[in-house]
């Protein structure tokens, strides 16, 4: 790595992290003020999980999260910073993957909607607050990072065309992504539920005190249907990054970094706690890691095989056309 490249990385990390901490700290002041106005029986999950925490401990945790998210997104720097769609790409990554599609069953996450008794209003409050914070963060960070010469320095960009193509031609992609997500989630989840001592954790750990009864038939059906929706939503938020990781030899590792880095590391936690109670997190980490690793590896291989097959089909069509001439 050259001295210039190293300097650029440090500059990027500093701007990203500082903007993240400042915007989330301001939102914490607003959010906690609004939360205090809600009747106690209407904010049980918000009081328990504390979506925004003020003070030094909250700032330290958010600084660490900012660094993690910045590092995860750095391989996609050109796609984000040098595209007019940059604000939406950051929104998809941070609001979409770090919060909404997170593996953490907290307020504002799909997993929280499926597994916990958090009210719809509590979910909506967190989703709206984070949407506002991420929108402000994205605008400020990109304006700072791009600088005043952005338009003259970049102009049009091929990345924009690739993003549009992905959205218009991605029906098969969404089906493959969702199907594989559901299969791996259920298989790996069922295995770890049997071997990882989840029943004891659910019965004894405070972290699971708001969870629904996992043994009921209705809950099993909700998990299955919920993961179909969640798989499709994750596919939507990952879609803009598709061209970037599929064009790399080890793109599966880039996809794994994106999913694990944002949905797991970046989401530990939307709710900052200090000191970090690792015992609360270690229960599900092996399962989440296995799910994400297998999905990234298999999805990348499936997509590569499909692309190669389509390329061969195109070559055959060209040969047949030449033979008819």
C-alpha atoms as a PDB file:
ATOM      1  CA  UNK A   1       0.000   0.000   0.000  1.00  0.00           C
ATOM      2  CA  UNK A   2       1.421   3.384  -0.986  1.00  0.00           C
ATOM      3  CA  UNK A   3       1.725   6.276   1.447  1.00  0.00           C
ATOM      4  CA  UNK A   4      -0.960   8.156  -0.503  1.00  0.00           C
ATOM      5  CA  UNK A   5      -3.369   5.195  -0.361  1.00  0.00           C
ATOM      6  CA  UNK A   6      -2.762   4.780   3.376  1.00  0.00           C
ATOM      7  CA  UNK A   7      -3.382   8.488   3.920  1.00  0.00           C
ATOM      8  CA  UNK A   8      -6.642   8.266   1.954  1.00  0.00           C
ATOM      9  CA  UNK A   9      -7.847   5.301   4.018  1.00  0.00           C
ATOM     10  CA  UNK A  10      -7.158   7.077   7.305  1.00  0.00           C
ATOM     11  CA  UNK A  11      -8.869  10.202   6.006  1.00  0.00           C
ATOM     12  CA  UNK A  12     -11.880   8.150   4.908  1.00  0.00           C
ATOM     13  CA  UNK A  13     -12.076   6.320   8.248  1.00  0.00           C
ATOM     14  CA  UNK A  14     -11.792   9.541  10.206  1.00  0.00           C
ATOM     15  CA  UNK A  15     -14.493  11.359   8.245  1.00  0.00           C
ATOM     16  CA  UNK A  16     -16.835   8.354   8.251  1.00  0.00           C
ATOM     17  CA  UNK A  17     -16.473   7.670  11.980  1.00  0.00           C
ATOM     18  CA  UNK A  18     -16.696  11.274  13.111  1.00  0.00           C
ATOM     19  CA  UNK A  19     -19.775  11.948  10.981  1.00  0.00           C
ATOM     20  CA  UNK A  20     -21.368   8.736  12.271  1.00  0.00           C
ATOM     21  CA  UNK A  21     -20.727   9.582  15.938  1.00  0.00           C
ATOM     22  CA  UNK A  22     -21.905  13.188  15.624  1.00  0.00           C
ATOM     23  CA  UNK A  23     -25.143  12.394  13.784  1.00  0.00           C
ATOM     24  CA  UNK A  24     -26.038   9.440  15.990  1.00  0.00           C
ATOM     25  CA  UNK A  25     -25.281  11.445  19.166  1.00  0.00           C
ATOM     26  CA  UNK A  26     -27.603  14.233  18.019  1.00  0.00           C
ATOM     27  CA  UNK A  27     -30.300  11.694  17.216  1.00  0.00           C
ATOM     28  CA  UNK A  28     -29.809  10.110  20.649  1.00  0.00           C
ATOM     29  CA  UNK A  29     -30.692  13.430  22.337  1.00  0.00           C
ATOM     30  CA  UNK A  30     -33.838  13.796  20.219  1.00  0.00           C
ATOM     31  CA  UNK A  31     -34.858  10.131  20.466  1.00  0.00           C
ATOM     32  CA  UNK A  32     -34.486   9.860  24.237  1.00  0.00           C
ATOM     33  CA  UNK A  33     -36.492  13.038  24.685  1.00  0.00           C
ATOM     34  CA  UNK A  34     -39.332  11.624  22.577  1.00  0.00           C
ATOM     35  CA  UNK A  35     -39.072   8.197  24.232  1.00  0.00           C
ATOM     36  CA  UNK A  36     -39.593   9.796  27.641  1.00  0.00           C
ATOM     37  CA  UNK A  37     -42.950  11.180  26.476  1.00  0.00           C
ATOM     38  CA  UNK A  38     -44.308   7.708  25.650  1.00  0.00           C
ATOM     39  CA  UNK A  39     -46.324   6.010  28.433  1.00  0.00           C
ATOM     40  CA  UNK A  40     -44.250   3.291  30.207  1.00  0.00           C
ATOM     41  CA  UNK A  41     -46.496   0.457  29.037  1.00  0.00           C
ATOM     42  CA  UNK A  42     -45.975   1.560  25.420  1.00  0.00           C
ATOM     43  CA  UNK A  43     -42.178   1.585  25.502  1.00  0.00           C
ATOM     44  CA  UNK A  44     -41.272  -1.656  27.292  1.00  0.00           C
ATOM     45  CA  UNK A  45     -38.939  -2.878  24.517  1.00  0.00           C
ATOM     46  CA  UNK A  46     -37.420   0.598  24.038  1.00  0.00           C
ATOM     47  CA  UNK A  47     -36.625   0.838  27.756  1.00  0.00           C
ATOM     48  CA  UNK A  48     -35.214  -2.687  27.773  1.00  0.00           C
ATOM     49  CA  UNK A  49     -33.017  -2.430  24.656  1.00  0.00           C
ATOM     50  CA  UNK A  50     -32.242   1.315  24.827  1.00  0.00           C
ATOM     51  CA  UNK A  51     -31.873   2.002  21.073  1.00  0.00           C
ATOM     52  CA  UNK A  52     -29.874   5.179  21.727  1.00  0.00           C
ATOM     53  CA  UNK A  53     -27.569   5.669  24.681  1.00  0.00           C
ATOM     54  CA  UNK A  54     -26.144   9.032  25.685  1.00  0.00           C
ATOM     55  CA  UNK A  55     -22.799   9.718  27.311  1.00  0.00           C
ATOM     56  CA  UNK A  56     -19.190   8.649  26.862  1.00  0.00           C
ATOM     57  CA  UNK A  57     -19.935   4.922  26.771  1.00  0.00           C
ATOM     58  CA  UNK A  58     -22.432   5.358  23.941  1.00  0.00           C
ATOM     59  CA  UNK A  59     -19.996   7.549  21.981  1.00  0.00           C
ATOM     60  CA  UNK A  60     -17.173   4.989  22.364  1.00  0.00           C
ATOM     61  CA  UNK A  61     -19.338   2.104  21.167  1.00  0.00           C
ATOM     62  CA  UNK A  62     -20.627   4.146  18.236  1.00  0.00           C
ATOM     63  CA  UNK A  63     -17.072   5.132  17.286  1.00  0.00           C
ATOM     64  CA  UNK A  64     -16.130   1.446  17.174  1.00  0.00           C
ATOM     65  CA  UNK A  65     -19.218   0.644  15.128  1.00  0.00           C
ATOM     66  CA  UNK A  66     -18.433   3.500  12.771  1.00  0.00           C
ATOM     67  CA  UNK A  67     -14.925   2.142  12.180  1.00  0.00           C
ATOM     68  CA  UNK A  68     -16.261  -1.377  11.548  1.00  0.00           C
ATOM     69  CA  UNK A  69     -18.919  -0.196   9.081  1.00  0.00           C
ATOM     70  CA  UNK A  70     -16.402   2.057   7.313  1.00  0.00           C
ATOM     71  CA  UNK A  71     -13.932  -0.815   6.891  1.00  0.00           C
ATOM     72  CA  UNK A  72     -16.632  -3.168   5.613  1.00  0.00           C
ATOM     73  CA  UNK A  73     -17.719  -0.613   3.002  1.00  0.00           C
ATOM     74  CA  UNK A  74     -14.207   0.428   1.962  1.00  0.00           C
ATOM     75  CA  UNK A  75     -13.938  -2.224  -0.831  1.00  0.00           C
ATOM     76  CA  UNK A  76     -17.005  -0.526  -2.346  1.00  0.00           C
ATOM     77  CA  UNK A  77     -15.556   2.967  -2.001  1.00  0.00           C
ATOM     78  CA  UNK A  78     -15.677   3.851  -5.707  1.00  0.00           C
ATOM     79  CA  UNK A  79     -19.191   2.510  -6.083  1.00  0.00           C
ATOM     80  CA  UNK A  80     -20.421   4.637  -3.177  1.00  0.00           C
ATOM     81  CA  UNK A  81     -18.376   7.812  -3.305  1.00  0.00           C
ATOM     82  CA  UNK A  82     -18.029   8.157  -7.076  1.00  0.00           C
ATOM     83  CA  UNK A  83     -21.635   7.553  -7.970  1.00  0.00           C
ATOM     84  CA  UNK A  84     -24.630   9.865  -7.870  1.00  0.00           C
ATOM     85  CA  UNK A  85     -26.430   7.002  -6.157  1.00  0.00           C
ATOM     86  CA  UNK A  86     -23.978   7.149  -3.222  1.00  0.00           C
ATOM     87  CA  UNK A  87     -26.521   8.383  -0.671  1.00  0.00           C
ATOM     88  CA  UNK A  88     -28.898   5.548  -1.519  1.00  0.00           C
ATOM     89  CA  UNK A  89     -26.122   2.967  -1.419  1.00  0.00           C
ATOM     90  CA  UNK A  90     -25.083   4.115   2.047  1.00  0.00           C
ATOM     91  CA  UNK A  91     -28.727   4.095   3.115  1.00  0.00           C
ATOM     92  CA  UNK A  92     -29.148   0.537   1.797  1.00  0.00           C
ATOM     93  CA  UNK A  93     -26.042  -0.580   3.653  1.00  0.00           C
ATOM     94  CA  UNK A  94     -26.587   1.131   7.004  1.00  0.00           C
ATOM     95  CA  UNK A  95     -30.360   1.431   7.393  1.00  0.00           C
ATOM     96  CA  UNK A  96     -31.072  -1.702   5.373  1.00  0.00           C
ATOM     97  CA  UNK A  97     -28.406  -4.183   6.482  1.00  0.00           C
ATOM     98  CA  UNK A  98     -27.090  -2.823   9.790  1.00  0.00           C
ATOM     99  CA  UNK A  99     -30.589  -2.167  11.156  1.00  0.00           C
ATOM    100  CA  UNK A 100     -33.583  -3.609   9.302  1.00  0.00           C
ATOM    101  CA  UNK A 101     -32.003  -6.888   8.114  1.00  0.00           C
ATOM    102  CA  UNK A 102     -29.769  -7.301  11.168  1.00  0.00           C
ATOM    103  CA  UNK A 103     -29.376 -10.674  12.835  1.00  0.00           C
ATOM    104  CA  UNK A 104     -30.179  -9.002  16.163  1.00  0.00           C
ATOM    105  CA  UNK A 105     -33.857  -9.381  17.235  1.00  0.00           C
ATOM    106  CA  UNK A 106     -34.158  -5.783  18.436  1.00  0.00           C
ATOM    107  CA  UNK A 107     -36.617  -2.924  17.839  1.00  0.00           C
ATOM    108  CA  UNK A 108     -36.507  -1.907  14.185  1.00  0.00           C
ATOM    109  CA  UNK A 109     -35.266  -5.258  12.856  1.00  0.00           C
ATOM    110  CA  UNK A 110     -37.143  -7.953  10.948  1.00  0.00           C
ATOM    111  CA  UNK A 111     -35.817 -10.536  13.418  1.00  0.00           C
ATOM    112  CA  UNK A 112     -37.222  -8.437  16.247  1.00  0.00           C
ATOM    113  CA  UNK A 113     -40.618  -8.358  14.539  1.00  0.00           C
ATOM    114  CA  UNK A 114     -40.575 -12.145  14.201  1.00  0.00           C
ATOM    115  CA  UNK A 115     -39.120 -13.254  17.517  1.00  0.00           C
ATOM    116  CA  UNK A 116     -39.958 -10.607  20.121  1.00  0.00           C
ATOM    117  CA  UNK A 117     -43.101  -9.080  21.581  1.00  0.00           C
ATOM    118  CA  UNK A 118     -41.985  -5.554  20.712  1.00  0.00           C
ATOM    119  CA  UNK A 119     -44.950  -3.466  19.555  1.00  0.00           C
ATOM    120  CA  UNK A 120     -45.308  -2.222  15.992  1.00  0.00           C
ATOM    121  CA  UNK A 121     -45.120   1.389  17.193  1.00  0.00           C
ATOM    122  CA  UNK A 122     -41.762   0.746  18.876  1.00  0.00           C
ATOM    123  CA  UNK A 123     -40.406  -0.799  15.672  1.00  0.00           C
ATOM    124  CA  UNK A 124     -41.643   2.132  13.581  1.00  0.00           C
ATOM    125  CA  UNK A 125     -40.163   4.727  15.934  1.00  0.00           C
ATOM    126  CA  UNK A 126     -36.708   3.158  15.709  1.00  0.00           C
ATOM    127  CA  UNK A 127     -36.937   2.652  11.932  1.00  0.00           C
ATOM    128  CA  UNK A 128     -37.899   6.284  11.404  1.00  0.00           C
ATOM    129  CA  UNK A 129     -35.254   7.656  13.774  1.00  0.00           C
ATOM    130  CA  UNK A 130     -32.461   5.639  12.166  1.00  0.00           C
ATOM    131  CA  UNK A 131     -33.713   6.564   8.672  1.00  0.00           C
ATOM    132  CA  UNK A 132     -33.408  10.249   9.539  1.00  0.00           C
ATOM    133  CA  UNK A 133     -29.983   9.803  11.128  1.00  0.00           C
ATOM    134  CA  UNK A 134     -28.613   7.729   8.233  1.00  0.00           C
ATOM    135  CA  UNK A 135     -29.969  10.178   5.656  1.00  0.00           C
ATOM    136  CA  UNK A 136     -28.252  13.098   7.376  1.00  0.00           C
ATOM    137  CA  UNK A 137     -25.076  11.058   7.872  1.00  0.00           C
ATOM    138  CA  UNK A 138     -24.957  10.000   4.198  1.00  0.00           C
ATOM    139  CA  UNK A 139     -25.419  13.551   2.937  1.00  0.00           C
ATOM    140  CA  UNK A 140     -22.793  15.038   5.269  1.00  0.00           C
ATOM    141  CA  UNK A 141     -20.208  12.289   4.804  1.00  0.00           C
ATOM    142  CA  UNK A 142     -20.420  12.241   1.000  1.00  0.00           C
ATOM    143  CA  UNK A 143     -20.301  16.012   0.796  1.00  0.00           C
ATOM    144  CA  UNK A 144     -17.180  16.011   3.001  1.00  0.00           C
ATOM    145  CA  UNK A 145     -15.480  13.066   1.311  1.00  0.00           C
ATOM    146  CA  UNK A 146     -16.145  14.146  -2.252  1.00  0.00           C
ATOM    147  CA  UNK A 147     -15.004  17.706  -1.774  1.00  0.00           C
ATOM    148  CA  UNK A 148     -15.852  20.774  -3.784  1.00  0.00           C
ATOM    149  CA  UNK A 149     -14.402  19.435  -7.056  1.00  0.00           C
ATOM    150  CA  UNK A 150     -16.631  16.333  -7.153  1.00  0.00           C
ATOM    151  CA  UNK A 151     -18.600  17.197 -10.327  1.00  0.00           C
ATOM    152  CA  UNK A 152     -15.563  18.266 -12.352  1.00  0.00           C
ATOM    153  CA  UNK A 153     -13.467  15.365 -11.072  1.00  0.00           C
ATOM    154  CA  UNK A 154     -15.922  12.538 -11.758  1.00  0.00           C
ATOM    155  CA  UNK A 155     -18.866  13.494 -13.944  1.00  0.00           C
ATOM    156  CA  UNK A 156     -20.683  10.504 -15.436  1.00  0.00           C
ATOM    157  CA  UNK A 157     -19.942   7.084 -14.031  1.00  0.00           C
ATOM    158  CA  UNK A 158     -20.223   3.514 -15.301  1.00  0.00           C
ATOM    159  CA  UNK A 159     -21.115   2.431 -11.767  1.00  0.00           C
ATOM    160  CA  UNK A 160     -24.482   4.165 -12.139  1.00  0.00           C
ATOM    161  CA  UNK A 161     -25.329   2.195 -15.270  1.00  0.00           C
ATOM    162  CA  UNK A 162     -24.353  -1.067 -13.575  1.00  0.00           C
ATOM    163  CA  UNK A 163     -26.600  -0.331 -10.596  1.00  0.00           C
ATOM    164  CA  UNK A 164     -29.567   0.429 -12.874  1.00  0.00           C
ATOM    165  CA  UNK A 165     -28.965  -2.726 -14.928  1.00  0.00           C
ATOM    166  CA  UNK A 166     -28.901  -4.780 -11.738  1.00  0.00           C
ATOM    167  CA  UNK A 167     -32.292  -3.498 -10.636  1.00  0.00           C
ATOM    168  CA  UNK A 168     -33.966  -3.938 -14.014  1.00  0.00           C
ATOM    169  CA  UNK A 169     -32.614  -7.447 -14.704  1.00  0.00           C
ATOM    170  CA  UNK A 170     -32.578  -8.963 -11.245  1.00  0.00           C
ATOM    171  CA  UNK A 171     -35.736 -11.099 -10.989  1.00  0.00           C
ATOM    172  CA  UNK A 172     -33.847 -14.395 -11.101  1.00  0.00           C
ATOM    173  CA  UNK A 173     -31.297 -12.994  -8.685  1.00  0.00           C
ATOM    174  CA  UNK A 174     -33.983 -12.246  -6.088  1.00  0.00           C
ATOM    175  CA  UNK A 175     -35.453 -15.753  -6.362  1.00  0.00           C
ATOM    176  CA  UNK A 176     -32.072 -17.472  -6.042  1.00  0.00           C
ATOM    177  CA  UNK A 177     -30.963 -15.241  -3.170  1.00  0.00           C
ATOM    178  CA  UNK A 178     -34.191 -15.724  -1.201  1.00  0.00           C
ATOM    179  CA  UNK A 179     -34.404 -19.483  -1.766  1.00  0.00           C
ATOM    180  CA  UNK A 180     -30.832 -20.096  -0.645  1.00  0.00           C
ATOM    181  CA  UNK A 181     -31.242 -17.762   2.331  1.00  0.00           C
ATOM    182  CA  UNK A 182     -34.327 -19.615   3.595  1.00  0.00           C
ATOM    183  CA  UNK A 183     -32.811 -23.083   3.123  1.00  0.00           C
ATOM    184  CA  UNK A 184     -29.545 -22.272   4.911  1.00  0.00           C
ATOM    185  CA  UNK A 185     -31.286 -20.299   7.667  1.00  0.00           C
ATOM    186  CA  UNK A 186     -33.617 -23.188   8.487  1.00  0.00           C
ATOM    187  CA  UNK A 187     -31.043 -25.983   8.212  1.00  0.00           C
ATOM    188  CA  UNK A 188     -28.282 -24.262  10.169  1.00  0.00           C
ATOM    189  CA  UNK A 189     -30.750 -22.780  12.659  1.00  0.00           C
ATOM    190  CA  UNK A 190     -32.331 -26.178  13.348  1.00  0.00           C
ATOM    191  CA  UNK A 191     -28.914 -27.772  13.848  1.00  0.00           C
ATOM    192  CA  UNK A 192     -27.678 -25.137  16.290  1.00  0.00           C
ATOM    193  CA  UNK A 193     -30.961 -25.108  18.193  1.00  0.00           C
ATOM    194  CA  UNK A 194     -30.308 -28.768  19.004  1.00  0.00           C
ATOM    195  CA  UNK A 195     -26.600 -28.559  19.849  1.00  0.00           C
ATOM    196  CA  UNK A 196     -25.950 -25.036  21.176  1.00  0.00           C
ATOM    197  CA  UNK A 197     -28.056 -25.008  24.343  1.00  0.00           C
ATOM    198  CA  UNK A 198     -30.539 -22.408  23.143  1.00  0.00           C
ATOM    199  CA  UNK A 199     -33.349 -23.721  25.333  1.00  0.00           C
ATOM    200  CA  UNK A 200     -31.371 -22.990  28.504  1.00  0.00           C
ATOM    201  CA  UNK A 201     -30.330 -19.564  27.209  1.00  0.00           C
ATOM    202  CA  UNK A 202     -33.911 -18.663  26.325  1.00  0.00           C
ATOM    203  CA  UNK A 203     -35.059 -19.671  29.803  1.00  0.00           C
ATOM    204  CA  UNK A 204     -32.311 -17.980  31.831  1.00  0.00           C
ATOM    205  CA  UNK A 205     -30.818 -14.975  30.004  1.00  0.00           C
ATOM    206  CA  UNK A 206     -32.364 -11.514  30.381  1.00  0.00           C
ATOM    207  CA  UNK A 207     -31.577 -10.852  26.706  1.00  0.00           C
ATOM    208  CA  UNK A 208     -34.409 -13.228  25.739  1.00  0.00           C
ATOM    209  CA  UNK A 209     -37.037 -12.051  28.234  1.00  0.00           C
ATOM    210  CA  UNK A 210     -39.179 -10.427  25.512  1.00  0.00           C
ATOM    211  CA  UNK A 211     -39.033 -13.385  23.115  1.00  0.00           C
ATOM    212  CA  UNK A 212     -42.139 -15.210  21.939  1.00  0.00           C
ATOM    213  CA  UNK A 213     -42.781 -18.916  22.548  1.00  0.00           C
ATOM    214  CA  UNK A 214     -40.698 -20.667  19.868  1.00  0.00           C
ATOM    215  CA  UNK A 215     -42.451 -24.010  20.315  1.00  0.00           C
ATOM    216  CA  UNK A 216     -45.881 -22.991  19.014  1.00  0.00           C
ATOM    217  CA  UNK A 217     -47.020 -23.917  15.490  1.00  0.00           C
ATOM    218  CA  UNK A 218     -47.893 -20.303  14.737  1.00  0.00           C
ATOM    219  CA  UNK A 219     -44.363 -19.236  15.646  1.00  0.00           C
ATOM    220  CA  UNK A 220     -42.807 -21.868  13.372  1.00  0.00           C
ATOM    221  CA  UNK A 221     -44.960 -20.655  10.481  1.00  0.00           C
ATOM    222  CA  UNK A 222     -44.088 -17.025  11.277  1.00  0.00           C
ATOM    223  CA  UNK A 223     -40.371 -17.812  11.215  1.00  0.00           C
ATOM    224  CA  UNK A 224     -40.640 -19.559   7.847  1.00  0.00           C
ATOM    225  CA  UNK A 225     -42.743 -16.862   6.179  1.00  0.00           C
ATOM    226  CA  UNK A 226     -40.750 -14.117   7.853  1.00  0.00           C
ATOM    227  CA  UNK A 227     -37.484 -15.454   6.484  1.00  0.00           C
ATOM    228  CA  UNK A 228     -38.892 -15.513   2.951  1.00  0.00           C
ATOM    229  CA  UNK A 229     -39.656 -11.811   3.295  1.00  0.00           C
ATOM    230  CA  UNK A 230     -36.344 -11.144   5.032  1.00  0.00           C
ATOM    231  CA  UNK A 231     -34.373 -12.973   2.341  1.00  0.00           C
ATOM    232  CA  UNK A 232     -35.988 -10.897  -0.392  1.00  0.00           C
ATOM    233  CA  UNK A 233     -35.348  -7.678   1.539  1.00  0.00           C
ATOM    234  CA  UNK A 234     -31.680  -8.540   2.139  1.00  0.00           C
ATOM    235  CA  UNK A 235     -31.381  -9.334  -1.583  1.00  0.00           C
ATOM    236  CA  UNK A 236     -32.734  -5.882  -2.385  1.00  0.00           C
ATOM    237  CA  UNK A 237     -30.189  -4.136  -0.149  1.00  0.00           C
ATOM    238  CA  UNK A 238     -27.299  -6.267  -1.443  1.00  0.00           C
ATOM    239  CA  UNK A 239     -28.281  -5.865  -5.116  1.00  0.00           C
ATOM    240  CA  UNK A 240     -26.476  -2.541  -5.704  1.00  0.00           C
ATOM    241  CA  UNK A 241     -23.199  -4.191  -4.634  1.00  0.00           C
ATOM    242  CA  UNK A 242     -23.705  -7.264  -6.861  1.00  0.00           C
ATOM    243  CA  UNK A 243     -21.546  -6.139  -9.791  1.00  0.00           C
ATOM    244  CA  UNK A 244     -18.678  -5.277  -7.472  1.00  0.00           C
ATOM    245  CA  UNK A 245     -18.368  -8.608  -5.640  1.00  0.00           C
ATOM    246  CA  UNK A 246     -19.269 -10.790  -8.626  1.00  0.00           C
ATOM    247  CA  UNK A 247     -16.425  -9.264 -10.657  1.00  0.00           C
ATOM    248  CA  UNK A 248     -13.830 -10.351  -8.074  1.00  0.00           C
ATOM    249  CA  UNK A 249     -12.097 -13.735  -8.012  1.00  0.00           C
ATOM    250  CA  UNK A 250     -12.759 -14.078  -4.297  1.00  0.00           C
ATOM    251  CA  UNK A 251     -16.059 -12.252  -4.455  1.00  0.00           C
ATOM    252  CA  UNK A 252     -17.655 -14.692  -2.031  1.00  0.00           C
ATOM    253  CA  UNK A 253     -15.305 -13.364   0.637  1.00  0.00           C
ATOM    254  CA  UNK A 254     -16.310  -9.801  -0.233  1.00  0.00           C
ATOM    255  CA  UNK A 255     -19.982 -10.820   0.042  1.00  0.00           C
ATOM    256  CA  UNK A 256     -19.303 -12.534   3.368  1.00  0.00           C
ATOM    257  CA  UNK A 257     -17.576  -9.393   4.638  1.00  0.00           C
ATOM    258  CA  UNK A 258     -20.503  -7.242   3.543  1.00  0.00           C
ATOM    259  CA  UNK A 259     -23.149  -9.454   5.172  1.00  0.00           C
ATOM    260  CA  UNK A 260     -21.265 -10.466   8.307  1.00  0.00           C
ATOM    261  CA  UNK A 261     -19.673  -7.065   8.773  1.00  0.00           C
ATOM    262  CA  UNK A 262     -22.931  -5.122   8.525  1.00  0.00           C
ATOM    263  CA  UNK A 263     -25.650  -7.522   9.713  1.00  0.00           C
ATOM    264  CA  UNK A 264     -23.566  -8.897  12.592  1.00  0.00           C
ATOM    265  CA  UNK A 265     -20.522  -6.817  13.588  1.00  0.00           C
ATOM    266  CA  UNK A 266     -22.057  -3.497  12.584  1.00  0.00           C
ATOM    267  CA  UNK A 267     -25.282  -4.397  14.353  1.00  0.00           C
ATOM    268  CA  UNK A 268     -23.625  -5.363  17.647  1.00  0.00           C
ATOM    269  CA  UNK A 269     -25.435  -3.414  18.317  1.00  0.00           C
ATOM    270  CA  UNK A 270     -27.900  -0.839  17.045  1.00  0.00           C
ATOM    271  CA  UNK A 271     -28.398  -0.650  20.803  1.00  0.00           C
ATOM    272  CA  UNK A 272     -24.997   0.309  22.320  1.00  0.00           C
ATOM    273  CA  UNK A 273     -24.172  -1.228  25.710  1.00  0.00           C
ATOM    274  CA  UNK A 274     -21.059  -0.736  27.810  1.00  0.00           C
ATOM    275  CA  UNK A 275     -19.339  -2.683  29.087  1.00  0.00           C
ATOM    276  CA  UNK A 276     -20.114  -5.158  26.305  1.00  0.00           C
ATOM    277  CA  UNK A 277     -21.672  -8.315  27.710  1.00  0.00           C
ATOM    278  CA  UNK A 278     -20.059 -10.830  25.392  1.00  0.00           C
ATOM    279  CA  UNK A 279     -21.892 -13.707  27.083  1.00  0.00           C
ATOM    280  CA  UNK A 280     -25.127 -12.269  25.676  1.00  0.00           C
ATOM    281  CA  UNK A 281     -23.766 -12.283  22.128  1.00  0.00           C
ATOM    282  CA  UNK A 282     -21.702 -15.472  22.009  1.00  0.00           C
ATOM    283  CA  UNK A 283     -24.837 -17.644  22.162  1.00  0.00           C
ATOM    284  CA  UNK A 284     -25.773 -17.016  18.530  1.00  0.00           C
ATOM    285  CA  UNK A 285     -22.457 -15.963  16.973  1.00  0.00           C
ATOM    286  CA  UNK A 286     -21.331 -19.452  15.788  1.00  0.00           C
ATOM    287  CA  UNK A 287     -24.715 -20.046  14.132  1.00  0.00           C
ATOM    288  CA  UNK A 288     -24.754 -16.638  12.456  1.00  0.00           C
ATOM    289  CA  UNK A 289     -21.172 -17.086  11.243  1.00  0.00           C
ATOM    290  CA  UNK A 290     -21.931 -20.512   9.790  1.00  0.00           C
ATOM    291  CA  UNK A 291     -25.094 -19.261   8.085  1.00  0.00           C
ATOM    292  CA  UNK A 292     -23.380 -16.264   6.539  1.00  0.00           C
ATOM    293  CA  UNK A 293     -20.287 -18.202   5.456  1.00  0.00           C
ATOM    294  CA  UNK A 294     -22.257 -20.989   3.780  1.00  0.00           C
ATOM    295  CA  UNK A 295     -24.640 -18.584   2.106  1.00  0.00           C
ATOM    296  CA  UNK A 296     -21.849 -16.379   0.714  1.00  0.00           C
ATOM    297  CA  UNK A 297     -19.867 -19.325  -0.610  1.00  0.00           C
ATOM    298  CA  UNK A 298     -22.821 -21.150  -2.179  1.00  0.00           C
ATOM    299  CA  UNK A 299     -24.543 -18.073  -3.599  1.00  0.00           C
ATOM    300  CA  UNK A 300     -21.341 -16.841  -5.227  1.00  0.00           C
ATOM    301  CA  UNK A 301     -20.684 -20.283  -6.726  1.00  0.00           C
ATOM    302  CA  UNK A 302     -24.276 -20.517  -7.993  1.00  0.00           C
ATOM    303  CA  UNK A 303     -24.093 -17.082  -9.601  1.00  0.00           C
ATOM    304  CA  UNK A 304     -20.716 -17.791 -11.194  1.00  0.00           C
ATOM    305  CA  UNK A 305     -22.017 -21.052 -12.648  1.00  0.00           C
ATOM    306  CA  UNK A 306     -25.108 -19.297 -14.004  1.00  0.00           C
ATOM    307  CA  UNK A 307     -23.048 -16.508 -15.562  1.00  0.00           C
ATOM    308  CA  UNK A 308     -20.666 -18.989 -17.182  1.00  0.00           C
ATOM    309  CA  UNK A 309     -23.594 -20.998 -18.520  1.00  0.00           C
ATOM    310  CA  UNK A 310     -25.177 -17.864 -20.000  1.00  0.00           C
ATOM    311  CA  UNK A 311     -21.883 -16.890 -21.600  1.00  0.00           C
ATOM    312  CA  UNK A 312     -21.522 -20.325 -23.217  1.00  0.00           C
ATOM    313  CA  UNK A 313     -25.122 -20.121 -24.404  1.00  0.00           C
ATOM    314  CA  UNK A 314     -24.361 -16.745 -25.968  1.00  0.00           C
ATOM    315  CA  UNK A 315     -21.295 -18.131 -27.734  1.00  0.00           C
ATOM    316  CA  UNK A 316     -23.329 -21.034 -29.147  1.00  0.00           C
ATOM    317  CA  UNK A 317     -25.939 -18.611 -30.482  1.00  0.00           C
ATOM    318  CA  UNK A 318     -23.222 -16.580 -32.189  1.00  0.00           C
ATOM    319  CA  UNK A 319     -21.766 -19.717 -33.768  1.00  0.00           C
ATOM    320  CA  UNK A 320     -25.181 -20.775 -35.058  1.00  0.00           C
ATOM    321  CA  UNK A 321     -25.761 -17.315 -36.493  1.00  0.00           C
ATOM    322  CA  UNK A 322     -22.410 -17.453 -38.311  1.00  0.00           C
ATOM    323  CA  UNK A 323     -23.265 -20.916 -39.638  1.00  0.00           C
ATOM    324  CA  UNK A 324     -26.484 -19.616 -41.175  1.00  0.00           C
ATOM    325  CA  UNK A 325     -24.701 -16.789 -42.980  1.00  0.00           C
END
